[in-house]
């Protein structure tokens, strides 16, 4: 059975841990000591991407260029 959970990684001593929400554990009948398989996929924060794109022109100049084609039609 496959269940997806978004969880926050937390530090426990020198290790990192992921907490399974109680409701998901109850529904899936997961108990302390059970062995589970975990697939990890880091979630991308879109806010981090905005600062990484650099352009030589202002956003207004880019919008003006795109809009210039609209007047010809």
N, C-alpha and C. Protein backbone atom coordinates (compact mmCIF):
# COMPACT_ATOMS: atom_id res chain seq x y z
N UNK A 1 0.85 -1.17 0.00
CA UNK A 1 0.00 0.00 0.00
C UNK A 1 0.89 1.24 0.00
N UNK A 2 0.53 2.25 -0.78
CA UNK A 2 1.34 3.47 -0.89
C UNK A 2 0.55 4.65 -0.33
N UNK A 3 1.19 5.38 0.57
CA UNK A 3 0.59 6.55 1.20
C UNK A 3 1.58 7.70 1.08
N UNK A 4 1.09 8.88 0.71
CA UNK A 4 1.95 10.06 0.62
C UNK A 4 1.68 10.97 1.80
N UNK A 5 2.77 11.44 2.40
CA UNK A 5 2.68 12.34 3.54
C UNK A 5 3.73 13.43 3.34
N UNK A 6 3.36 14.67 3.54
CA UNK A 6 4.33 15.75 3.55
C UNK A 6 4.71 15.98 5.00
N UNK A 7 6.01 15.91 5.27
CA UNK A 7 6.47 16.00 6.65
C UNK A 7 7.68 16.90 6.74
N UNK A 8 7.88 17.48 7.89
CA UNK A 8 9.03 18.33 8.15
C UNK A 8 10.15 17.49 8.75
N UNK A 9 11.36 17.67 8.26
CA UNK A 9 12.51 16.95 8.78
C UNK A 9 12.98 17.65 10.05
N UNK A 10 13.23 16.85 11.08
CA UNK A 10 13.65 17.39 12.38
C UNK A 10 14.93 16.71 12.83
N UNK A 11 15.70 17.42 13.61
CA UNK A 11 16.94 16.86 14.15
C UNK A 11 16.64 16.16 15.46
N UNK A 12 17.16 14.93 15.58
CA UNK A 12 17.08 14.17 16.83
C UNK A 12 18.50 13.69 17.11
N UNK A 13 19.17 14.35 18.04
CA UNK A 13 20.58 14.05 18.29
C UNK A 13 21.40 14.43 17.07
N UNK A 14 22.18 13.49 16.55
CA UNK A 14 22.97 13.74 15.35
C UNK A 14 22.26 13.30 14.08
N UNK A 15 21.06 12.76 14.21
CA UNK A 15 20.32 12.23 13.06
C UNK A 15 19.17 13.17 12.68
N UNK A 16 18.57 12.90 11.53
CA UNK A 16 17.37 13.60 11.10
C UNK A 16 16.22 12.62 11.14
N UNK A 17 15.03 13.10 11.45
CA UNK A 17 13.87 12.21 11.51
C UNK A 17 12.68 12.85 10.80
N UNK A 18 11.74 11.99 10.43
CA UNK A 18 10.49 12.42 9.82
C UNK A 18 9.38 11.81 10.66
N UNK A 19 8.41 12.60 11.05
CA UNK A 19 7.32 12.13 11.90
C UNK A 19 6.13 11.76 11.02
N UNK A 20 5.59 10.58 11.24
CA UNK A 20 4.37 10.16 10.55
C UNK A 20 3.19 10.69 11.37
N UNK A 21 2.32 11.50 10.77
CA UNK A 21 1.18 12.04 11.51
C UNK A 21 0.34 10.92 12.13
N UNK A 22 -0.15 11.14 13.34
CA UNK A 22 -0.91 10.13 14.08
C UNK A 22 -2.09 9.59 13.28
N UNK A 23 -2.81 10.47 12.59
CA UNK A 23 -3.99 10.03 11.82
C UNK A 23 -3.58 9.07 10.70
N UNK A 24 -2.49 9.38 9.99
CA UNK A 24 -2.01 8.48 8.92
C UNK A 24 -1.56 7.15 9.50
N UNK A 25 -0.86 7.19 10.64
CA UNK A 25 -0.40 5.96 11.29
C UNK A 25 -1.60 5.10 11.70
N UNK A 26 -2.65 5.75 12.22
CA UNK A 26 -3.84 5.00 12.63
C UNK A 26 -4.52 4.36 11.44
N UNK A 27 -4.74 5.13 10.39
CA UNK A 27 -5.43 4.62 9.20
C UNK A 27 -4.65 3.48 8.55
N UNK A 28 -3.34 3.61 8.50
CA UNK A 28 -2.50 2.59 7.86
C UNK A 28 -2.06 1.49 8.83
N UNK A 29 -2.50 1.60 10.08
CA UNK A 29 -2.17 0.61 11.12
C UNK A 29 -0.66 0.46 11.31
N UNK A 30 0.02 1.60 11.31
CA UNK A 30 1.46 1.61 11.55
C UNK A 30 1.67 1.80 13.04
N UNK A 31 2.49 0.92 13.61
CA UNK A 31 2.76 0.99 15.04
C UNK A 31 4.25 1.08 15.29
N UNK A 32 4.60 1.51 16.50
CA UNK A 32 6.00 1.60 16.88
C UNK A 32 6.67 0.24 16.69
N UNK A 33 7.82 0.25 16.05
CA UNK A 33 8.56 -1.00 15.79
C UNK A 33 8.31 -1.57 14.41
N UNK A 34 7.24 -1.13 13.71
CA UNK A 34 7.00 -1.59 12.34
C UNK A 34 8.11 -1.09 11.43
N UNK A 35 8.42 -1.87 10.42
CA UNK A 35 9.41 -1.47 9.42
C UNK A 35 8.64 -0.93 8.22
N UNK A 36 8.99 0.29 7.80
CA UNK A 36 8.33 0.93 6.65
C UNK A 36 9.39 1.33 5.64
N UNK A 37 8.97 1.46 4.40
CA UNK A 37 9.86 1.93 3.34
C UNK A 37 9.53 3.40 3.10
N UNK A 38 10.56 4.23 3.00
CA UNK A 38 10.38 5.66 2.82
C UNK A 38 11.05 6.08 1.52
N UNK A 39 10.31 6.77 0.67
CA UNK A 39 10.86 7.36 -0.55
C UNK A 39 10.97 8.85 -0.30
N UNK A 40 12.15 9.41 -0.50
CA UNK A 40 12.38 10.82 -0.18
C UNK A 40 12.45 11.64 -1.45
N UNK A 41 11.67 12.71 -1.49
CA UNK A 41 11.70 13.66 -2.59
C UNK A 41 11.61 15.05 -1.97
N UNK A 42 12.69 15.81 -2.10
CA UNK A 42 12.71 17.13 -1.49
C UNK A 42 11.75 18.05 -2.24
N UNK A 43 10.94 18.74 -1.49
CA UNK A 43 9.98 19.69 -2.05
C UNK A 43 10.71 20.98 -2.39
N UNK A 44 10.45 21.52 -3.57
CA UNK A 44 11.09 22.77 -3.99
C UNK A 44 10.24 23.94 -3.53
N UNK A 45 10.89 24.90 -2.90
CA UNK A 45 10.21 26.12 -2.47
C UNK A 45 10.29 27.12 -3.61
N UNK A 46 9.17 27.42 -4.24
CA UNK A 46 9.14 28.30 -5.41
C UNK A 46 9.68 29.68 -5.08
N UNK A 47 9.55 30.12 -3.85
CA UNK A 47 10.06 31.43 -3.47
C UNK A 47 11.58 31.50 -3.59
N UNK A 48 12.25 30.37 -3.39
CA UNK A 48 13.70 30.33 -3.53
C UNK A 48 14.15 30.52 -4.98
N UNK A 49 13.29 30.18 -5.93
CA UNK A 49 13.65 30.27 -7.35
C UNK A 49 13.58 31.69 -7.90
N UNK A 50 12.74 32.53 -7.35
CA UNK A 50 12.57 33.87 -7.90
C UNK A 50 13.86 34.67 -7.91
N UNK A 51 14.66 34.57 -6.90
CA UNK A 51 15.90 35.33 -6.83
C UNK A 51 17.01 34.77 -7.70
N UNK A 52 16.85 33.55 -8.23
CA UNK A 52 17.93 32.91 -8.97
C UNK A 52 17.93 33.27 -10.45
N UNK A 53 16.85 33.83 -10.97
CA UNK A 53 16.78 34.18 -12.39
C UNK A 53 17.21 35.63 -12.57
N UNK A 54 18.25 35.84 -13.37
CA UNK A 54 18.76 37.18 -13.60
C UNK A 54 18.46 37.60 -15.05
N UNK A 55 18.16 38.86 -15.24
CA UNK A 55 17.88 39.40 -16.56
C UNK A 55 18.56 40.75 -16.69
N UNK A 56 18.95 41.07 -17.91
CA UNK A 56 19.61 42.36 -18.15
C UNK A 56 18.61 43.50 -18.30
N UNK A 57 17.35 43.15 -18.52
CA UNK A 57 16.34 44.21 -18.67
C UNK A 57 15.34 44.15 -17.53
N UNK A 58 14.64 45.22 -17.34
CA UNK A 58 13.66 45.28 -16.26
C UNK A 58 12.43 44.46 -16.64
N UNK A 59 11.65 44.10 -15.64
CA UNK A 59 10.43 43.36 -15.92
C UNK A 59 9.47 44.20 -16.75
N UNK A 60 9.47 45.51 -16.56
CA UNK A 60 8.60 46.39 -17.35
C UNK A 60 9.00 46.36 -18.82
N UNK A 61 10.31 46.36 -19.11
CA UNK A 61 10.78 46.30 -20.49
C UNK A 61 10.37 44.98 -21.15
N UNK A 62 10.42 43.89 -20.41
CA UNK A 62 10.01 42.59 -20.93
C UNK A 62 8.52 42.58 -21.23
N UNK A 63 7.70 43.16 -20.33
CA UNK A 63 6.26 43.22 -20.57
C UNK A 63 5.95 44.10 -21.77
N UNK A 64 6.65 45.22 -21.92
CA UNK A 64 6.42 46.10 -23.07
C UNK A 64 6.74 45.40 -24.38
N UNK A 65 7.80 44.59 -24.39
CA UNK A 65 8.18 43.86 -25.60
C UNK A 65 7.12 42.85 -25.99
N UNK A 66 6.58 42.15 -25.00
CA UNK A 66 5.54 41.16 -25.27
C UNK A 66 4.28 41.84 -25.77
N UNK A 67 3.92 42.94 -25.17
CA UNK A 67 2.69 43.65 -25.54
C UNK A 67 2.80 44.34 -26.89
N UNK A 68 4.00 44.61 -27.36
CA UNK A 68 4.15 45.33 -28.62
C UNK A 68 3.53 44.57 -29.79
N UNK A 69 3.50 43.26 -29.74
CA UNK A 69 2.90 42.46 -30.80
C UNK A 69 1.39 42.51 -30.78
N UNK A 70 0.78 42.84 -29.66
CA UNK A 70 -0.67 42.85 -29.54
C UNK A 70 -1.29 43.99 -30.35
N UNK A 71 -0.62 45.10 -30.48
CA UNK A 71 -1.19 46.27 -31.15
C UNK A 71 -1.26 46.08 -32.66
N UNK A 72 -0.42 45.20 -33.23
CA UNK A 72 -0.39 44.99 -34.66
C UNK A 72 -1.60 44.21 -35.18
N UNK A 73 -2.26 43.47 -34.32
CA UNK A 73 -3.37 42.61 -34.76
C UNK A 73 -4.65 43.35 -34.85
